[in-house]
Amino acid sequence: MADYSSPSFQITINNLKIMASEWLYEVVDELVQLCGLRYGYVRNEATRLERTLRDLRSASLMFSNDRLSKANGKLVFVDGKYR
């Protein structure tokens, strides 16, 4: 059974959020470039990538990735696994 309050679990979750917010944004940005502005960024189109791009961009801004990285740095010292 996983201990969800353990520092190593929190580090893993923080890293997952950081990677997802960076990589997924890059993937959708690439899709917009492939589709072009006419199809990838127009609100009326079926692809609707503009909303996904906006939401993914805000993920790294709303709860800053820098803040999560700093928290991970502090958690490493608390976690016995990294001693």
C-alpha atoms as a PDB file:
ATOM      1  CA  MET A   1       0.000   0.000   0.000  1.00  0.00           C
ATOM      2  CA  ALA A   2       1.426   3.361  -1.011  1.00  0.00           C
ATOM      3  CA  ASP A   3       1.900   6.075   1.580  1.00  0.00           C
ATOM      4  CA  TYR A   4       0.502   9.143  -0.190  1.00  0.00           C
ATOM      5  CA  SER A   5       1.929  11.505   2.413  1.00  0.00           C
ATOM      6  CA  SER A   6       5.506  10.264   2.039  1.00  0.00           C
ATOM      7  CA  PRO A   7       8.079  12.675   0.605  1.00  0.00           C
ATOM      8  CA  SER A   8       9.068  10.256  -2.168  1.00  0.00           C
ATOM      9  CA  PHE A   9       5.437  10.016  -3.350  1.00  0.00           C
ATOM     10  CA  GLN A  10       5.114  13.816  -3.315  1.00  0.00           C
ATOM     11  CA  ILE A  11       8.350  14.152  -5.319  1.00  0.00           C
ATOM     12  CA  THR A  12       7.035  11.659  -7.884  1.00  0.00           C
ATOM     13  CA  ILE A  13       3.705  13.480  -8.229  1.00  0.00           C
ATOM     14  CA  ASN A  14       5.428  16.873  -8.515  1.00  0.00           C
ATOM     15  CA  ASN A  15       7.756  15.536 -11.221  1.00  0.00           C
ATOM     16  CA  LEU A  16       4.801  14.044 -13.088  1.00  0.00           C
ATOM     17  CA  LYS A  17       2.986  17.388 -13.060  1.00  0.00           C
ATOM     18  CA  ILE A  18       6.084  19.256 -14.238  1.00  0.00           C
ATOM     19  CA  MET A  19       6.780  16.828 -17.084  1.00  0.00           C
ATOM     20  CA  ALA A  20       3.138  16.679 -18.164  1.00  0.00           C
ATOM     21  CA  SER A  21       2.712  20.451 -18.238  1.00  0.00           C
ATOM     22  CA  GLU A  22       5.875  20.892 -20.317  1.00  0.00           C
ATOM     23  CA  TRP A  23       5.679  17.919 -22.679  1.00  0.00           C
ATOM     24  CA  LEU A  24       1.965  18.023 -23.404  1.00  0.00           C
ATOM     25  CA  TYR A  25       2.167  21.736 -24.197  1.00  0.00           C
ATOM     26  CA  GLU A  26       5.001  21.038 -26.652  1.00  0.00           C
ATOM     27  CA  VAL A  27       2.988  18.251 -28.323  1.00  0.00           C
ATOM     28  CA  VAL A  28      -0.146  20.373 -28.778  1.00  0.00           C
ATOM     29  CA  ASP A  29       1.933  23.336 -29.944  1.00  0.00           C
ATOM     30  CA  GLU A  30       3.464  21.066 -32.574  1.00  0.00           C
ATOM     31  CA  LEU A  31      -0.022  19.903 -33.609  1.00  0.00           C
ATOM     32  CA  VAL A  32      -1.120  23.516 -34.048  1.00  0.00           C
ATOM     33  CA  GLN A  33       1.924  24.125 -36.227  1.00  0.00           C
ATOM     34  CA  LEU A  34       1.182  21.014 -38.282  1.00  0.00           C
ATOM     35  CA  CYS A  35      -2.479  21.942 -38.745  1.00  0.00           C
ATOM     36  CA  GLY A  36      -1.636  25.552 -39.378  1.00  0.00           C
ATOM     37  CA  LEU A  37      -3.393  28.572 -37.952  1.00  0.00           C
ATOM     38  CA  ARG A  38      -6.398  28.033 -40.186  1.00  0.00           C
ATOM     39  CA  TYR A  39      -7.336  24.650 -38.682  1.00  0.00           C
ATOM     40  CA  GLY A  40      -5.378  24.364 -35.455  1.00  0.00           C
ATOM     41  CA  TYR A  41      -6.182  27.652 -33.782  1.00  0.00           C
ATOM     42  CA  VAL A  42      -9.589  28.695 -35.081  1.00  0.00           C
ATOM     43  CA  ARG A  43     -12.357  28.370 -32.505  1.00  0.00           C
ATOM     44  CA  ASN A  44     -14.967  27.206 -35.016  1.00  0.00           C
ATOM     45  CA  GLU A  45     -13.023  24.167 -36.205  1.00  0.00           C
ATOM     46  CA  ALA A  46     -13.594  20.617 -35.029  1.00  0.00           C
ATOM     47  CA  THR A  47      -9.977  20.238 -33.868  1.00  0.00           C
ATOM     48  CA  ARG A  48     -10.302  22.934 -31.181  1.00  0.00           C
ATOM     49  CA  LEU A  49      -6.637  22.810 -30.305  1.00  0.00           C
ATOM     50  CA  GLU A  50      -6.654  26.445 -29.176  1.00  0.00           C
ATOM     51  CA  ARG A  51      -8.470  25.599 -25.938  1.00  0.00           C
ATOM     52  CA  THR A  52      -6.207  22.638 -25.206  1.00  0.00           C
ATOM     53  CA  LEU A  53      -3.133  24.774 -25.878  1.00  0.00           C
ATOM     54  CA  ARG A  54      -4.425  27.514 -23.575  1.00  0.00           C
ATOM     55  CA  ASP A  55      -5.281  25.073 -20.785  1.00  0.00           C
ATOM     56  CA  LEU A  56      -1.928  23.311 -20.990  1.00  0.00           C
ATOM     57  CA  ARG A  57      -0.052  26.612 -20.994  1.00  0.00           C
ATOM     58  CA  SER A  58      -1.875  27.766 -17.894  1.00  0.00           C
ATOM     59  CA  ALA A  59      -0.963  24.543 -16.048  1.00  0.00           C
ATOM     60  CA  SER A  60       2.660  25.617 -15.689  1.00  0.00           C
ATOM     61  CA  LEU A  61       1.636  29.160 -14.710  1.00  0.00           C
ATOM     62  CA  MET A  62      -1.200  28.545 -12.227  1.00  0.00           C
ATOM     63  CA  PHE A  63       0.892  26.376  -9.943  1.00  0.00           C
ATOM     64  CA  SER A  64       4.381  27.258 -11.036  1.00  0.00           C
ATOM     65  CA  ASN A  65       6.763  24.511 -12.088  1.00  0.00           C
ATOM     66  CA  ASP A  66       9.543  26.473 -10.391  1.00  0.00           C
ATOM     67  CA  ARG A  67       7.624  26.258  -7.137  1.00  0.00           C
ATOM     68  CA  LEU A  68       7.252  22.500  -7.512  1.00  0.00           C
ATOM     69  CA  SER A  69      10.959  22.123  -8.268  1.00  0.00           C
ATOM     70  CA  LYS A  70      11.835  24.062  -5.116  1.00  0.00           C
ATOM     71  CA  ALA A  71       9.437  21.910  -3.093  1.00  0.00           C
ATOM     72  CA  ASN A  72      11.106  18.792  -4.511  1.00  0.00           C
ATOM     73  CA  GLY A  73      14.495  20.117  -3.465  1.00  0.00           C
ATOM     74  CA  LYS A  74      13.274  20.495   0.113  1.00  0.00           C
ATOM     75  CA  LEU A  75      11.529  17.109   0.097  1.00  0.00           C
ATOM     76  CA  VAL A  76      14.737  15.348  -0.967  1.00  0.00           C
ATOM     77  CA  PHE A  77      16.352  16.338   2.336  1.00  0.00           C
ATOM     78  CA  VAL A  78      13.373  15.017   4.330  1.00  0.00           C
ATOM     79  CA  ASP A  79      13.078  11.735   2.461  1.00  0.00           C
ATOM     80  CA  GLY A  80      15.296   8.991   3.877  1.00  0.00           C
ATOM     81  CA  LYS A  81      15.477   7.307   0.475  1.00  0.00           C
ATOM     82  CA  TYR A  82      17.927   9.932  -0.811  1.00  0.00           C
ATOM     83  CA  ARG A  83      20.283  10.021   2.178  1.00  0.00           C
END
